[in-house]
Amino acid sequence: MFLLPFWLYDNNKEALDISTNLITIISSLITLIIAFLLFDKFGVSKKVLDQNIEVVFKLLEVIKSKTIYTEYESDSGTHHSVISIGNTSNELVNNLIDDKIIVFNYDDINKGLNEINQFANNVWLPNQIKKKIQKISLWSASSVEDTFSHKNKYVKIYFDLYPEARKDIKVTWFTTNQNETTLKDFRLSLQDLLVEIKIWLNKHSDYKADINI
């Protein structure tokens, strides 16, 4: 009897009771759905997003604090450049060195990139940004001979000390195992990371990312 439309019942009171019950059930279901949607919107999802945003802004702060120093030996002399990671595209890089293969001291570059690389292991970091970090991580490398005997071929990159302050420090130099990463490649990888951060923040945060790229 309950399954019949209420207008088929002879007893008007019984029909009214059944219709009232149906309305109550439907209203309860609608209320439950709305409550669930609001909980998802303002509850768990928002907390996760807040954590994401906080981590991404911390990463951005670390990146913008980093500086790369370069040193290049050519027949005409030694050439130095300074590149701010947080402003890679606006830095005027000498075209003479931009297409040269980078060499680096492992301790120095690990120290310079370690703070950035650590974010790749943070569970709150968005995956698309994590992938960009992995592209700048120079884990695989091979040692090279004294680069001063290879003028016009390599450009040294430093994170810690300006090259002039390191002349008395004996270090071993490395290239990536592919031996094909140029300064331009490395700079563009850093720039891609910044662009990805800017896109993500502008999409998910009320605070627009102030990045000079």
C-alpha atoms as a PDB file:
ATOM      1  CA  MET A   1       0.000   0.000   0.000  1.00  0.00           C
ATOM      2  CA  PHE A   2       2.874   2.397   0.814  1.00  0.00           C
ATOM      3  CA  LEU A   3       4.193   2.158  -2.718  1.00  0.00           C
ATOM      4  CA  LEU A   4       0.967   3.407  -4.309  1.00  0.00           C
ATOM      5  CA  PRO A   5       0.684   7.109  -5.198  1.00  0.00           C
ATOM      6  CA  PHE A   6      -1.100   8.897  -2.404  1.00  0.00           C
ATOM      7  CA  TRP A   7      -3.923  10.065  -4.709  1.00  0.00           C
ATOM      8  CA  LEU A   8      -5.025   6.405  -5.174  1.00  0.00           C
ATOM      9  CA  TYR A   9      -5.885   5.997  -1.523  1.00  0.00           C
ATOM     10  CA  ASP A  10      -9.526   6.265  -0.537  1.00  0.00           C
ATOM     11  CA  ASN A  11      -8.687   7.502   2.924  1.00  0.00           C
ATOM     12  CA  ASN A  12      -7.728  11.174   2.592  1.00  0.00           C
ATOM     13  CA  LYS A  13      -6.017  11.238   5.998  1.00  0.00           C
ATOM     14  CA  GLU A  14      -3.899   8.208   5.151  1.00  0.00           C
ATOM     15  CA  ALA A  15      -2.958   9.742   1.811  1.00  0.00           C
ATOM     16  CA  LEU A  16      -2.018  12.997   3.521  1.00  0.00           C
ATOM     17  CA  ASP A  17       0.136  11.182   6.073  1.00  0.00           C
ATOM     18  CA  ILE A  18       1.957   9.258   3.361  1.00  0.00           C
ATOM     19  CA  SER A  19       2.580  12.359   1.263  1.00  0.00           C
ATOM     20  CA  THR A  20       3.850  14.180   4.343  1.00  0.00           C
ATOM     21  CA  ASN A  21       6.253  11.331   5.078  1.00  0.00           C
ATOM     22  CA  LEU A  22       7.519  11.377   1.500  1.00  0.00           C
ATOM     23  CA  ILE A  23       8.105  15.113   1.648  1.00  0.00           C
ATOM     24  CA  THR A  24       9.953  14.696   4.947  1.00  0.00           C
ATOM     25  CA  ILE A  25      12.170  11.954   3.518  1.00  0.00           C
ATOM     26  CA  ILE A  26      12.951  13.964   0.384  1.00  0.00           C
ATOM     27  CA  SER A  27      13.700  17.067   2.447  1.00  0.00           C
ATOM     28  CA  SER A  28      16.015  15.065   4.695  1.00  0.00           C
ATOM     29  CA  LEU A  29      17.878  13.680   1.688  1.00  0.00           C
ATOM     30  CA  ILE A  30      18.287  17.150   0.202  1.00  0.00           C
ATOM     31  CA  THR A  31      19.510  18.488   3.542  1.00  0.00           C
ATOM     32  CA  LEU A  32      21.977  15.613   3.836  1.00  0.00           C
ATOM     33  CA  ILE A  33      23.348  16.232   0.338  1.00  0.00           C
ATOM     34  CA  ILE A  34      23.730  19.959   0.984  1.00  0.00           C
ATOM     35  CA  ALA A  35      25.434  19.278   4.313  1.00  0.00           C
ATOM     36  CA  PHE A  36      27.858  16.876   2.648  1.00  0.00           C
ATOM     37  CA  LEU A  37      28.691  19.355  -0.099  1.00  0.00           C
ATOM     38  CA  LEU A  38      29.237  22.144   2.399  1.00  0.00           C
ATOM     39  CA  PHE A  39      31.388  19.897   4.573  1.00  0.00           C
ATOM     40  CA  ASP A  40      33.530  19.005   1.573  1.00  0.00           C
ATOM     41  CA  LYS A  41      33.780  22.600   0.478  1.00  0.00           C
ATOM     42  CA  PHE A  42      34.550  24.142   3.830  1.00  0.00           C
ATOM     43  CA  GLY A  43      35.921  21.139   5.660  1.00  0.00           C
ATOM     44  CA  VAL A  44      38.480  18.581   4.576  1.00  0.00           C
ATOM     45  CA  SER A  45      39.117  19.920   1.070  1.00  0.00           C
ATOM     46  CA  LYS A  46      39.730  23.441   2.355  1.00  0.00           C
ATOM     47  CA  LYS A  47      42.155  22.226   5.004  1.00  0.00           C
ATOM     48  CA  VAL A  48      44.125  20.271   2.393  1.00  0.00           C
ATOM     49  CA  LEU A  49      44.190  23.258   0.053  1.00  0.00           C
ATOM     50  CA  ASP A  50      45.371  25.531   2.875  1.00  0.00           C
ATOM     51  CA  GLN A  51      48.270  23.155   3.516  1.00  0.00           C
ATOM     52  CA  ASN A  52      49.073  23.100  -0.208  1.00  0.00           C
ATOM     53  CA  ILE A  53      49.121  26.883  -0.407  1.00  0.00           C
ATOM     54  CA  GLU A  54      51.300  27.251   2.686  1.00  0.00           C
ATOM     55  CA  VAL A  55      53.912  24.814   1.354  1.00  0.00           C
ATOM     56  CA  VAL A  56      53.974  26.391  -2.110  1.00  0.00           C
ATOM     57  CA  PHE A  57      54.515  29.878  -0.669  1.00  0.00           C
ATOM     58  CA  LYS A  58      57.348  28.553   1.502  1.00  0.00           C
ATOM     59  CA  LEU A  59      58.935  26.992  -1.583  1.00  0.00           C
ATOM     60  CA  LEU A  60      58.606  30.265  -3.464  1.00  0.00           C
ATOM     61  CA  GLU A  61      60.294  32.130  -0.618  1.00  0.00           C
ATOM     62  CA  VAL A  62      63.238  29.700  -0.668  1.00  0.00           C
ATOM     63  CA  ILE A  63      63.601  29.906  -4.454  1.00  0.00           C
ATOM     64  CA  LYS A  64      63.618  33.695  -4.509  1.00  0.00           C
ATOM     65  CA  SER A  65      66.414  33.730  -1.921  1.00  0.00           C
ATOM     66  CA  LYS A  66      68.779  31.745  -4.151  1.00  0.00           C
ATOM     67  CA  THR A  67      71.470  33.174  -6.408  1.00  0.00           C
ATOM     68  CA  ILE A  68      73.637  31.441  -9.009  1.00  0.00           C
ATOM     69  CA  TYR A  69      77.127  32.685  -9.781  1.00  0.00           C
ATOM     70  CA  THR A  70      78.808  31.672 -13.028  1.00  0.00           C
ATOM     71  CA  GLU A  71      82.414  31.674 -14.167  1.00  0.00           C
ATOM     72  CA  TYR A  72      83.561  31.067 -17.729  1.00  0.00           C
ATOM     73  CA  GLU A  73      87.116  30.832 -19.059  1.00  0.00           C
ATOM     74  CA  SER A  74      87.630  31.871 -22.669  1.00  0.00           C
ATOM     75  CA  ASP A  75      90.598  32.909 -24.776  1.00  0.00           C
ATOM     76  CA  SER A  76      89.808  36.530 -24.010  1.00  0.00           C
ATOM     77  CA  GLY A  77      89.667  36.069 -20.231  1.00  0.00           C
ATOM     78  CA  THR A  78      87.338  35.147 -17.380  1.00  0.00           C
ATOM     79  CA  HIS A  79      83.665  36.085 -17.517  1.00  0.00           C
ATOM     80  CA  HIS A  80      81.382  36.260 -14.466  1.00  0.00           C
ATOM     81  CA  SER A  81      77.598  36.498 -14.243  1.00  0.00           C
ATOM     82  CA  VAL A  82      75.063  36.585 -11.420  1.00  0.00           C
ATOM     83  CA  ILE A  83      71.640  34.989 -11.870  1.00  0.00           C
ATOM     84  CA  SER A  84      68.801  35.394  -9.388  1.00  0.00           C
ATOM     85  CA  ILE A  85      66.707  32.212  -9.514  1.00  0.00           C
ATOM     86  CA  GLY A  86      63.603  34.144  -8.569  1.00  0.00           C
ATOM     87  CA  ASN A  87      64.002  36.401 -11.597  1.00  0.00           C
ATOM     88  CA  THR A  88      65.613  34.223 -14.239  1.00  0.00           C
ATOM     89  CA  SER A  89      64.093  35.699 -17.377  1.00  0.00           C
ATOM     90  CA  ASN A  90      64.883  39.309 -16.497  1.00  0.00           C
ATOM     91  CA  GLU A  91      68.539  38.611 -15.824  1.00  0.00           C
ATOM     92  CA  LEU A  92      70.778  39.553 -18.723  1.00  0.00           C
ATOM     93  CA  VAL A  93      72.882  36.448 -19.248  1.00  0.00           C
ATOM     94  CA  ASN A  94      75.939  36.749 -21.439  1.00  0.00           C
ATOM     95  CA  ASN A  95      75.107  34.982 -24.712  1.00  0.00           C
ATOM     96  CA  LEU A  96      78.707  33.838 -24.775  1.00  0.00           C
ATOM     97  CA  ILE A  97      78.069  31.406 -21.928  1.00  0.00           C
ATOM     98  CA  ASP A  98      74.367  30.605 -22.184  1.00  0.00           C
ATOM     99  CA  ASP A  99      74.919  27.673 -24.548  1.00  0.00           C
ATOM    100  CA  LYS A 100      77.929  26.268 -22.678  1.00  0.00           C
ATOM    101  CA  ILE A 101      77.791  23.006 -20.715  1.00  0.00           C
ATOM    102  CA  ILE A 102      77.511  23.566 -16.983  1.00  0.00           C
ATOM    103  CA  VAL A 103      79.950  22.064 -14.490  1.00  0.00           C
ATOM    104  CA  PHE A 104      79.436  22.170 -10.755  1.00  0.00           C
ATOM    105  CA  ASN A 105      80.943  21.180  -7.451  1.00  0.00           C
ATOM    106  CA  TYR A 106      78.761  18.484  -5.922  1.00  0.00           C
ATOM    107  CA  ASP A 107      78.915  19.778  -2.348  1.00  0.00           C
ATOM    108  CA  ASP A 108      78.149  23.306  -3.448  1.00  0.00           C
ATOM    109  CA  ILE A 109      75.215  22.481  -5.698  1.00  0.00           C
ATOM    110  CA  ASN A 110      73.729  20.039  -3.197  1.00  0.00           C
ATOM    111  CA  LYS A 111      73.870  22.749  -0.574  1.00  0.00           C
ATOM    112  CA  GLY A 112      72.391  25.258  -2.982  1.00  0.00           C
ATOM    113  CA  LEU A 113      69.549  23.059  -4.210  1.00  0.00           C
ATOM    114  CA  ASN A 114      68.944  20.980  -1.092  1.00  0.00           C
ATOM    115  CA  GLU A 115      66.370  23.356   0.402  1.00  0.00           C
ATOM    116  CA  ILE A 116      64.430  23.269  -2.856  1.00  0.00           C
ATOM    117  CA  ASN A 117      64.770  19.516  -3.373  1.00  0.00           C
ATOM    118  CA  GLN A 118      63.427  18.795   0.113  1.00  0.00           C
ATOM    119  CA  PHE A 119      60.049  20.183  -0.906  1.00  0.00           C
ATOM    120  CA  ALA A 120      59.673  17.352  -3.437  1.00  0.00           C
ATOM    121  CA  ASN A 121      59.247  14.986  -0.465  1.00  0.00           C
ATOM    122  CA  ASN A 122      56.568  17.117   1.182  1.00  0.00           C
ATOM    123  CA  VAL A 123      53.182  15.377   1.028  1.00  0.00           C
ATOM    124  CA  TRP A 124      51.407  18.732   0.678  1.00  0.00           C
ATOM    125  CA  LEU A 125      53.306  19.856  -2.420  1.00  0.00           C
ATOM    126  CA  PRO A 126      51.161  19.652  -5.588  1.00  0.00           C
ATOM    127  CA  ASN A 127      52.406  16.964  -7.982  1.00  0.00           C
ATOM    128  CA  GLN A 128      52.798  19.280 -10.966  1.00  0.00           C
ATOM    129  CA  ILE A 129      55.244  21.427  -8.984  1.00  0.00           C
ATOM    130  CA  LYS A 130      57.053  18.372  -7.633  1.00  0.00           C
ATOM    131  CA  LYS A 131      57.750  17.216 -11.200  1.00  0.00           C
ATOM    132  CA  LYS A 132      59.369  20.565 -12.012  1.00  0.00           C
ATOM    133  CA  ILE A 133      61.618  20.301  -8.945  1.00  0.00           C
ATOM    134  CA  GLN A 134      62.764  16.848 -10.017  1.00  0.00           C
ATOM    135  CA  LYS A 135      63.927  18.291 -13.342  1.00  0.00           C
ATOM    136  CA  ILE A 136      66.403  20.640 -11.666  1.00  0.00           C
ATOM    137  CA  SER A 137      67.812  17.999  -9.314  1.00  0.00           C
ATOM    138  CA  LEU A 138      71.311  17.105 -10.528  1.00  0.00           C
ATOM    139  CA  TRP A 139      71.668  13.740  -8.798  1.00  0.00           C
ATOM    140  CA  SER A 140      73.489  11.923 -11.601  1.00  0.00           C
ATOM    141  CA  ALA A 141      76.902  13.303 -12.501  1.00  0.00           C
ATOM    142  CA  SER A 142      80.402  12.462 -13.730  1.00  0.00           C
ATOM    143  CA  SER A 143      83.652  14.144 -12.783  1.00  0.00           C
ATOM    144  CA  VAL A 144      85.607  16.099 -15.387  1.00  0.00           C
ATOM    145  CA  GLU A 145      89.207  17.180 -15.697  1.00  0.00           C
ATOM    146  CA  ASP A 146      90.348  20.617 -14.593  1.00  0.00           C
ATOM    147  CA  THR A 147      87.996  22.902 -16.482  1.00  0.00           C
ATOM    148  CA  PHE A 148      90.657  25.535 -16.903  1.00  0.00           C
ATOM    149  CA  SER A 149      92.247  23.217 -19.488  1.00  0.00           C
ATOM    150  CA  HIS A 150      88.959  23.245 -21.409  1.00  0.00           C
ATOM    151  CA  LYS A 151      88.522  26.903 -22.231  1.00  0.00           C
ATOM    152  CA  ASN A 152      85.465  27.836 -24.279  1.00  0.00           C
ATOM    153  CA  LYS A 153      83.722  24.563 -23.326  1.00  0.00           C
ATOM    154  CA  TYR A 154      82.373  24.683 -19.770  1.00  0.00           C
ATOM    155  CA  VAL A 155      80.761  27.275 -17.529  1.00  0.00           C
ATOM    156  CA  LYS A 156      81.076  26.802 -13.770  1.00  0.00           C
ATOM    157  CA  ILE A 157      78.028  27.427 -11.616  1.00  0.00           C
ATOM    158  CA  TYR A 158      78.170  28.248  -7.900  1.00  0.00           C
ATOM    159  CA  PHE A 159      75.516  28.663  -5.254  1.00  0.00           C
ATOM    160  CA  ASP A 160      77.491  29.389  -2.123  1.00  0.00           C
ATOM    161  CA  LEU A 161      80.379  31.765  -2.723  1.00  0.00           C
ATOM    162  CA  TYR A 162      81.129  34.178  -5.510  1.00  0.00           C
ATOM    163  CA  PRO A 163      83.797  32.668  -7.819  1.00  0.00           C
ATOM    164  CA  GLU A 164      86.466  35.212  -6.874  1.00  0.00           C
ATOM    165  CA  ALA A 165      86.190  34.065  -3.257  1.00  0.00           C
ATOM    166  CA  ARG A 166      86.746  30.430  -4.245  1.00  0.00           C
ATOM    167  CA  LYS A 167      89.929  30.666  -6.268  1.00  0.00           C
ATOM    168  CA  ASP A 168      92.012  29.188  -3.450  1.00  0.00           C
ATOM    169  CA  ILE A 169      89.595  26.303  -2.857  1.00  0.00           C
ATOM    170  CA  LYS A 170      90.498  23.010  -4.540  1.00  0.00           C
ATOM    171  CA  VAL A 171      87.320  21.330  -5.774  1.00  0.00           C
ATOM    172  CA  THR A 172      86.297  18.531  -8.112  1.00  0.00           C
ATOM    173  CA  TRP A 173      84.011  19.495 -10.966  1.00  0.00           C
ATOM    174  CA  PHE A 174      81.146  17.463 -12.388  1.00  0.00           C
ATOM    175  CA  THR A 175      78.838  17.474 -15.371  1.00  0.00           C
ATOM    176  CA  THR A 176      75.498  15.740 -15.650  1.00  0.00           C
ATOM    177  CA  ASN A 177      75.936  12.196 -16.927  1.00  0.00           C
ATOM    178  CA  GLN A 178      74.354  13.198 -20.213  1.00  0.00           C
ATOM    179  CA  ASN A 179      77.061  15.875 -20.514  1.00  0.00           C
ATOM    180  CA  GLU A 180      74.629  18.077 -22.397  1.00  0.00           C
ATOM    181  CA  THR A 181      73.006  20.350 -19.815  1.00  0.00           C
ATOM    182  CA  THR A 182      73.783  23.908 -20.815  1.00  0.00           C
ATOM    183  CA  LEU A 183      73.420  26.991 -18.668  1.00  0.00           C
ATOM    184  CA  LYS A 184      70.368  27.911 -20.715  1.00  0.00           C
ATOM    185  CA  ASP A 185      68.821  24.463 -20.102  1.00  0.00           C
ATOM    186  CA  PHE A 186      69.371  24.837 -16.378  1.00  0.00           C
ATOM    187  CA  ARG A 187      67.985  28.371 -16.270  1.00  0.00           C
ATOM    188  CA  LEU A 188      64.894  27.384 -18.238  1.00  0.00           C
ATOM    189  CA  SER A 189      64.260  24.463 -15.870  1.00  0.00           C
ATOM    190  CA  LEU A 190      64.311  26.913 -12.976  1.00  0.00           C
ATOM    191  CA  GLN A 191      62.052  29.274 -14.876  1.00  0.00           C
ATOM    192  CA  ASP A 192      59.605  26.437 -15.641  1.00  0.00           C
ATOM    193  CA  LEU A 193      59.426  25.724 -11.916  1.00  0.00           C
ATOM    194  CA  LEU A 194      58.587  29.355 -11.172  1.00  0.00           C
ATOM    195  CA  VAL A 195      55.975  29.488 -13.928  1.00  0.00           C
ATOM    196  CA  GLU A 196      54.299  26.340 -12.584  1.00  0.00           C
ATOM    197  CA  ILE A 197      54.235  27.838  -9.082  1.00  0.00           C
ATOM    198  CA  LYS A 198      52.726  31.063 -10.387  1.00  0.00           C
ATOM    199  CA  ILE A 199      50.030  29.215 -12.360  1.00  0.00           C
ATOM    200  CA  TRP A 200      49.114  27.050  -9.378  1.00  0.00           C
ATOM    201  CA  LEU A 201      48.953  29.931  -6.893  1.00  0.00           C
ATOM    202  CA  ASN A 202      46.926  32.137  -9.216  1.00  0.00           C
ATOM    203  CA  LYS A 203      44.444  29.291  -9.635  1.00  0.00           C
ATOM    204  CA  HIS A 204      44.157  28.136  -6.023  1.00  0.00           C
ATOM    205  CA  SER A 205      45.034  31.134  -3.861  1.00  0.00           C
ATOM    206  CA  ASP A 206      43.433  34.526  -3.235  1.00  0.00           C
ATOM    207  CA  TYR A 207      46.945  35.985  -3.154  1.00  0.00           C
ATOM    208  CA  LYS A 208      48.348  36.309  -6.644  1.00  0.00           C
ATOM    209  CA  ALA A 209      51.957  35.245  -6.965  1.00  0.00           C
ATOM    210  CA  ASP A 210      54.297  38.197  -7.388  1.00  0.00           C
ATOM    211  CA  ILE A 211      56.956  36.574  -9.553  1.00  0.00           C
ATOM    212  CA  ASN A 212      59.060  38.519 -12.034  1.00  0.00           C
ATOM    213  CA  ILE A 213      59.247  36.066 -14.910  1.00  0.00           C
END
